[in-house]
Amino acid sequence: MRHPLFAICAATLLSTAYAAEPFALKSPDFAHKGKLNDKHVYTGFGCTGGNTSPALA
């Protein structure tokens, strides 16, 4: 095999992806597929908002 490091990395990535559990993140501050309220928008880079992090569960 010409590239044993590539084979090792590929095997590691594939086994890690297979073993991963589903991940869910919920927040009472915004609806499913909805937009964030202006109070949660970053203030900077031309954006203006409240710069407040939404609650996450």
PDB file of N, CA and C in Angstrom:
ATOM      1  N   MET A   1       0.850  -1.177   0.000  1.00  0.00           N
ATOM      2  CA  MET A   1       0.000   0.000   0.000  1.00  0.00           C
ATOM      3  C   MET A   1       0.893   1.236   0.000  1.00  0.00           C
ATOM      4  N   ARG A   2       0.603   2.163  -0.875  1.00  0.00           N
ATOM      5  CA  ARG A   2       1.461   3.336  -1.014  1.00  0.00           C
ATOM      6  C   ARG A   2       1.221   4.390   0.055  1.00  0.00           C
ATOM      7  N   HIS A   3       0.015   4.474   0.552  1.00  0.00           N
ATOM      8  CA  HIS A   3      -0.312   5.512   1.529  1.00  0.00           C
ATOM      9  C   HIS A   3      -0.966   4.899   2.772  1.00  0.00           C
ATOM     10  N   PRO A   4      -0.172   4.288   3.642  1.00  0.00           N
ATOM     11  CA  PRO A   4      -0.772   3.656   4.823  1.00  0.00           C
ATOM     12  C   PRO A   4      -1.412   4.668   5.771  1.00  0.00           C
ATOM     13  N   LEU A   5      -0.881   5.879   5.824  1.00  0.00           N
ATOM     14  CA  LEU A   5      -1.464   6.894   6.708  1.00  0.00           C
ATOM     15  C   LEU A   5      -2.879   7.253   6.254  1.00  0.00           C
ATOM     16  N   PHE A   6      -3.087   7.349   4.947  1.00  0.00           N
ATOM     17  CA  PHE A   6      -4.413   7.636   4.424  1.00  0.00           C
ATOM     18  C   PHE A   6      -5.391   6.530   4.821  1.00  0.00           C
ATOM     19  N   ALA A   7      -4.976   5.292   4.717  1.00  0.00           N
ATOM     20  CA  ALA A   7      -5.839   4.159   5.066  1.00  0.00           C
ATOM     21  C   ALA A   7      -6.193   4.189   6.555  1.00  0.00           C
ATOM     22  N   ILE A   8      -5.242   4.513   7.393  1.00  0.00           N
ATOM     23  CA  ILE A   8      -5.487   4.581   8.837  1.00  0.00           C
ATOM     24  C   ILE A   8      -6.460   5.712   9.158  1.00  0.00           C
ATOM     25  N   CYS A   9      -6.248   6.881   8.550  1.00  0.00           N
ATOM     26  CA  CYS A   9      -7.136   8.026   8.782  1.00  0.00           C
ATOM     27  C   CYS A   9      -8.550   7.733   8.287  1.00  0.00           C
ATOM     28  N   ALA A  10      -8.673   7.141   7.120  1.00  0.00           N
ATOM     29  CA  ALA A  10      -9.987   6.817   6.569  1.00  0.00           C
ATOM     30  C   ALA A  10     -10.722   5.826   7.471  1.00  0.00           C
ATOM     31  N   ALA A  11     -10.029   4.811   7.937  1.00  0.00           N
ATOM     32  CA  ALA A  11     -10.651   3.820   8.819  1.00  0.00           C
ATOM     33  C   ALA A  11     -11.098   4.455  10.132  1.00  0.00           C
ATOM     34  N   THR A  12     -10.305   5.358  10.659  1.00  0.00           N
ATOM     35  CA  THR A  12     -10.648   6.040  11.910  1.00  0.00           C
ATOM     36  C   THR A  12     -11.881   6.914  11.729  1.00  0.00           C
ATOM     37  N   LEU A  13     -11.920   7.686  10.643  1.00  0.00           N
ATOM     38  CA  LEU A  13     -13.061   8.559  10.394  1.00  0.00           C
ATOM     39  C   LEU A  13     -14.337   7.764  10.162  1.00  0.00           C
ATOM     40  N   LEU A  14     -14.257   6.691   9.419  1.00  0.00           N
ATOM     41  CA  LEU A  14     -15.443   5.885   9.146  1.00  0.00           C
ATOM     42  C   LEU A  14     -15.970   5.218  10.407  1.00  0.00           C
ATOM     43  N   SER A  15     -15.087   4.714  11.247  1.00  0.00           N
ATOM     44  CA  SER A  15     -15.536   4.058  12.471  1.00  0.00           C
ATOM     45  C   SER A  15     -16.111   5.071  13.452  1.00  0.00           C
ATOM     46  N   THR A  16     -15.580   6.281  13.477  1.00  0.00           N
ATOM     47  CA  THR A  16     -16.097   7.324  14.362  1.00  0.00           C
ATOM     48  C   THR A  16     -17.481   7.773  13.907  1.00  0.00           C
ATOM     49  N   ALA A  17     -17.680   7.951  12.614  1.00  0.00           N
ATOM     50  CA  ALA A  17     -18.976   8.382  12.095  1.00  0.00           C
ATOM     51  C   ALA A  17     -20.038   7.308  12.342  1.00  0.00           C
ATOM     52  N   TYR A  18     -19.669   6.067  12.256  1.00  0.00           N
ATOM     53  CA  TYR A  18     -20.615   4.982  12.467  1.00  0.00           C
ATOM     54  C   TYR A  18     -21.046   4.900  13.932  1.00  0.00           C
ATOM     55  N   ALA A  19     -20.148   5.213  14.854  1.00  0.00           N
ATOM     56  CA  ALA A  19     -20.423   5.083  16.283  1.00  0.00           C
ATOM     57  C   ALA A  19     -21.111   6.312  16.872  1.00  0.00           C
ATOM     58  N   ALA A  20     -21.229   7.387  16.090  1.00  0.00           N
ATOM     59  CA  ALA A  20     -21.806   8.628  16.613  1.00  0.00           C
ATOM     60  C   ALA A  20     -23.288   8.462  16.912  1.00  0.00           C
ATOM     61  N   GLU A  21     -23.717   9.048  18.005  1.00  0.00           N
ATOM     62  CA  GLU A  21     -25.120   9.017  18.392  1.00  0.00           C
ATOM     63  C   GLU A  21     -25.828  10.255  17.848  1.00  0.00           C
ATOM     64  N   PRO A  22     -27.147  10.205  17.656  1.00  0.00           N
ATOM     65  CA  PRO A  22     -27.885  11.382  17.193  1.00  0.00           C
ATOM     66  C   PRO A  22     -27.737  12.527  18.195  1.00  0.00           C
ATOM     67  N   PHE A  23     -27.735  13.739  17.672  1.00  0.00           N
ATOM     68  CA  PHE A  23     -27.566  14.929  18.492  1.00  0.00           C
ATOM     69  C   PHE A  23     -28.767  15.844  18.265  1.00  0.00           C
ATOM     70  N   ALA A  24     -29.406  16.271  19.343  1.00  0.00           N
ATOM     71  CA  ALA A  24     -30.545  17.178  19.248  1.00  0.00           C
ATOM     72  C   ALA A  24     -30.315  18.372  20.160  1.00  0.00           C
ATOM     73  N   LEU A  25     -30.662  19.533  19.658  1.00  0.00           N
ATOM     74  CA  LEU A  25     -30.525  20.768  20.427  1.00  0.00           C
ATOM     75  C   LEU A  25     -31.841  21.526  20.314  1.00  0.00           C
ATOM     76  N   LYS A  26     -32.386  21.927  21.451  1.00  0.00           N
ATOM     77  CA  LYS A  26     -33.672  22.626  21.476  1.00  0.00           C
ATOM     78  C   LYS A  26     -33.524  23.941  22.212  1.00  0.00           C
ATOM     79  N   SER A  27     -34.417  24.873  21.885  1.00  0.00           N
ATOM     80  CA  SER A  27     -34.418  26.163  22.556  1.00  0.00           C
ATOM     81  C   SER A  27     -35.842  26.700  22.630  1.00  0.00           C
ATOM     82  N   PRO A  28     -36.229  27.204  23.796  1.00  0.00           N
ATOM     83  CA  PRO A  28     -37.551  27.831  23.898  1.00  0.00           C
ATOM     84  C   PRO A  28     -37.574  29.230  23.271  1.00  0.00           C
ATOM     85  N   ASP A  29     -36.421  29.751  22.862  1.00  0.00           N
ATOM     86  CA  ASP A  29     -36.343  31.115  22.335  1.00  0.00           C
ATOM     87  C   ASP A  29     -36.664  31.241  20.848  1.00  0.00           C
ATOM     88  N   PHE A  30     -36.768  30.126  20.118  1.00  0.00           N
ATOM     89  CA  PHE A  30     -37.165  30.232  18.717  1.00  0.00           C
ATOM     90  C   PHE A  30     -37.872  28.956  18.275  1.00  0.00           C
ATOM     91  N   ALA A  31     -38.717  29.106  17.264  1.00  0.00           N
ATOM     92  CA  ALA A  31     -39.531  28.001  16.773  1.00  0.00           C
ATOM     93  C   ALA A  31     -38.746  27.149  15.775  1.00  0.00           C
ATOM     94  N   HIS A  32     -39.203  25.916  15.582  1.00  0.00           N
ATOM     95  CA  HIS A  32     -38.594  25.013  14.606  1.00  0.00           C
ATOM     96  C   HIS A  32     -38.627  25.650  13.218  1.00  0.00           C
ATOM     97  N   LYS A  33     -37.488  25.736  12.588  1.00  0.00           N
ATOM     98  CA  LYS A  33     -37.310  26.355  11.272  1.00  0.00           C
ATOM     99  C   LYS A  33     -37.699  27.829  11.260  1.00  0.00           C
ATOM    100  N   GLY A  34     -37.724  28.439  12.429  1.00  0.00           N
ATOM    101  CA  GLY A  34     -38.047  29.857  12.522  1.00  0.00           C
ATOM    102  C   GLY A  34     -36.785  30.708  12.563  1.00  0.00           C
ATOM    103  N   LYS A  35     -36.966  31.990  12.603  1.00  0.00           N
ATOM    104  CA  LYS A  35     -35.841  32.923  12.671  1.00  0.00           C
ATOM    105  C   LYS A  35     -35.614  33.362  14.110  1.00  0.00           C
ATOM    106  N   LEU A  36     -34.393  33.723  14.415  1.00  0.00           N
ATOM    107  CA  LEU A  36     -34.076  34.239  15.743  1.00  0.00           C
ATOM    108  C   LEU A  36     -34.643  35.639  15.915  1.00  0.00           C
ATOM    109  N   ASN A  37     -35.034  35.941  17.119  1.00  0.00           N
ATOM    110  CA  ASN A  37     -35.496  37.266  17.476  1.00  0.00           C
ATOM    111  C   ASN A  37     -34.304  38.227  17.413  1.00  0.00           C
ATOM    112  N   ASP A  38     -34.554  39.511  17.179  1.00  0.00           N
ATOM    113  CA  ASP A  38     -33.473  40.497  17.093  1.00  0.00           C
ATOM    114  C   ASP A  38     -32.630  40.562  18.368  1.00  0.00           C
ATOM    115  N   LYS A  39     -33.202  40.179  19.502  1.00  0.00           N
ATOM    116  CA  LYS A  39     -32.409  40.235  20.736  1.00  0.00           C
ATOM    117  C   LYS A  39     -31.287  39.198  20.724  1.00  0.00           C
ATOM    118  N   HIS A  40     -31.368  38.187  19.825  1.00  0.00           N
ATOM    119  CA  HIS A  40     -30.342  37.157  19.744  1.00  0.00           C
ATOM    120  C   HIS A  40     -29.369  37.369  18.588  1.00  0.00           C
ATOM    121  N   VAL A  41     -29.500  38.482  17.878  1.00  0.00           N
ATOM    122  CA  VAL A  41     -28.611  38.786  16.758  1.00  0.00           C
ATOM    123  C   VAL A  41     -27.328  39.428  17.291  1.00  0.00           C
ATOM    124  N   TYR A  42     -26.192  39.027  16.697  1.00  0.00           N
ATOM    125  CA  TYR A  42     -24.888  39.566  17.089  1.00  0.00           C
ATOM    126  C   TYR A  42     -24.806  41.052  16.742  1.00  0.00           C
ATOM    127  N   THR A  43     -24.204  41.828  17.615  1.00  0.00           N
ATOM    128  CA  THR A  43     -23.959  43.232  17.339  1.00  0.00           C
ATOM    129  C   THR A  43     -22.520  43.379  16.868  1.00  0.00           C
ATOM    130  N   GLY A  44     -22.335  43.533  15.592  1.00  0.00           N
ATOM    131  CA  GLY A  44     -21.023  43.679  14.996  1.00  0.00           C
ATOM    132  C   GLY A  44     -21.037  43.222  13.548  1.00  0.00           C
ATOM    133  N   PHE A  45     -20.000  43.561  12.803  1.00  0.00           N
ATOM    134  CA  PHE A  45     -19.874  43.201  11.388  1.00  0.00           C
ATOM    135  C   PHE A  45     -21.077  43.702  10.592  1.00  0.00           C
ATOM    136  N   GLY A  46     -21.608  44.860  10.952  1.00  0.00           N
ATOM    137  CA  GLY A  46     -22.733  45.440  10.235  1.00  0.00           C
ATOM    138  C   GLY A  46     -24.089  44.980  10.724  1.00  0.00           C
ATOM    139  N   CYS A  47     -24.134  44.097  11.692  1.00  0.00           N
ATOM    140  CA  CYS A  47     -25.404  43.610  12.247  1.00  0.00           C
ATOM    141  C   CYS A  47     -25.688  44.325  13.563  1.00  0.00           C
ATOM    142  N   THR A  48     -26.958  44.532  13.836  1.00  0.00           N
ATOM    143  CA  THR A  48     -27.332  45.148  15.106  1.00  0.00           C
ATOM    144  C   THR A  48     -28.407  44.299  15.764  1.00  0.00           C
ATOM    145  N   GLY A  49     -28.190  43.999  17.004  1.00  0.00           N
ATOM    146  CA  GLY A  49     -29.138  43.179  17.746  1.00  0.00           C
ATOM    147  C   GLY A  49     -28.836  43.273  19.223  1.00  0.00           C
ATOM    148  N   GLY A  50     -29.521  42.458  19.979  1.00  0.00           N
ATOM    149  CA  GLY A  50     -29.339  42.467  21.432  1.00  0.00           C
ATOM    150  C   GLY A  50     -28.113  41.732  21.909  1.00  0.00           C
ATOM    151  N   ASN A  51     -27.513  40.892  21.025  1.00  0.00           N
ATOM    152  CA  ASN A  51     -26.285  40.187  21.351  1.00  0.00           C
ATOM    153  C   ASN A  51     -26.452  39.300  22.580  1.00  0.00           C
ATOM    154  N   THR A  52     -27.636  38.668  22.703  1.00  0.00           N
ATOM    155  CA  THR A  52     -27.944  37.803  23.829  1.00  0.00           C
ATOM    156  C   THR A  52     -28.035  36.359  23.340  1.00  0.00           C
ATOM    157  N   SER A  53     -27.404  35.458  24.030  1.00  0.00           N
ATOM    158  CA  SER A  53     -27.454  34.054  23.641  1.00  0.00           C
ATOM    159  C   SER A  53     -28.813  33.450  23.951  1.00  0.00           C
ATOM    160  N   PRO A  54     -29.347  32.620  23.033  1.00  0.00           N
ATOM    161  CA  PRO A  54     -30.622  31.955  23.328  1.00  0.00           C
ATOM    162  C   PRO A  54     -30.418  30.834  24.342  1.00  0.00           C
ATOM    163  N   ALA A  55     -31.471  30.505  25.070  1.00  0.00           N
ATOM    164  CA  ALA A  55     -31.415  29.382  26.002  1.00  0.00           C
ATOM    165  C   ALA A  55     -31.352  28.095  25.194  1.00  0.00           C
ATOM    166  N   LEU A  56     -30.488  27.178  25.577  1.00  0.00           N
ATOM    167  CA  LEU A  56     -30.333  25.903  24.880  1.00  0.00           C
ATOM    168  C   LEU A  56     -30.561  24.748  25.835  1.00  0.00           C
ATOM    169  N   ALA A  57     -31.198  23.715  25.336  1.00  0.00           N
ATOM    170  CA  ALA A  57     -31.449  22.535  26.154  1.00  0.00           C
ATOM    171  C   ALA A  57     -31.175  21.279  25.350  1.00  0.00           C
TER     172      ALA A  57
END
